[in-house]
Amino acid sequence: MKRHINLFLFFIIAIAVIPFTALLRTGASPEASLPAAAGTSSSSEEPGAAPIEDEITVYLSDQKKTQTLSMKDYLVGVVTAEMPATFEKEALKAQAVLAHTYTLRVMANEEKSPSDDLKGASISTDPSRHQAYCSEEEAKKKYGDHYEEYHSKIESCVNEVMNQILTYEDEPIIAAFHAISAGNTEAAENVWGQEVPYLVPAESEGDLLSPSYEESLTLTTAEVKKLLTEKYEDLTFTDQEKEWFQITDITPSGYVATVTVLGKEMTGQDFRTLFGLRSSDFSISFKDDKFTFTTKGYGHGVGMSQYGADYMARQGSTYQEILAHYYPKTTLSDLSA
């Protein structure tokens, strides 16, 4: 159990330090326009449905070169990078479906408008741009003595759902996901300002059981002041530090919608980014010349909660049920049909 928790903590740190992946996976700020996939780009243009692909050319961002892989091997590498192998198989299958869905949507976008810096590849392994990927060599280092066991487990899950993706109106969905919700997932429009019919709030009660559900960040008054002045040059600071911040609006899912900072209004997502908070579900307290920001959940909160998916799987839910829960109105489509 301890190893399970430690591995999960490693993975959620890896996918949640950026505003979007897991997820999301774009370097843009959370208030940017809705990403075309699970954080691929800021374009909201609807791509056409992509056909079954046996191979994919990947841009290895750390090596600055391209490599052609079988789609199966690529998806195994993505799931390895995105979700702990200790998670239940049904959760891993759900993650594999999302990875495939995301990939096809990116490929369709790249086919329409190729990115010169990808050097002919369809997708990048840079998680801040597209989705994370773990090579066989990296997986062996990550898993150590458990490599054969974990690799076999993930490969089996990918094989079982290899030809399935999530669609909405016959197109691959925006496959957004995050590490841990605050108990309910968030609506897309509250993060990116654009409504998406299937990225709507969903109950995710299992997240409350996560060992990382609630965390705190403490900063001195000087540290807070420095961060604020870097963003706003015209702020007037008072001696009443407790009054510097006022949370003024909360979304139906419990995330901070707006917060007033010394008279200036910010979105909860902007505030989260500015202070490097784990979630936009936060509270603020002040004592002994220090501010404490207490957060619930980890990530932007949109789409599938990975911890929530694992919890559902442990309660007996199938990957189909997990995906239907977090992405209502979508269809699990068989590419081989």
Foldseek 3Di string as FASTA:
>chain_A
DVVQQVLLVVQQVVAFLAQFVLDDQANDFQQAADDQASQQDSDVDDFAAFADDQKFWEQEVVVRHIDIDGPLQFLLQQLLNRGPLPFDLQLLLLSSQSVVLQQRSQQRVCVVPNDVSRVPGSYYCRSNNGTHGAHLVRLCVVQPPCSVVSSVSSSVSCVVQVQKHKAFPNHRHRSHEHAAALQKFDASCLRHVDGDPFFHIFGQNLRVVRPPFKDKDKDFLVVVVVLVCVVPVPADDDPPVQPQKDQDDADPSQFGQWMAGNNRIDGLSVVCVSVSHQERNWDWDDDPRMIMIMHGIGHDRIFYHSSSSSVVVVVPDGSVRRNCRRGPNIDTDGSVD
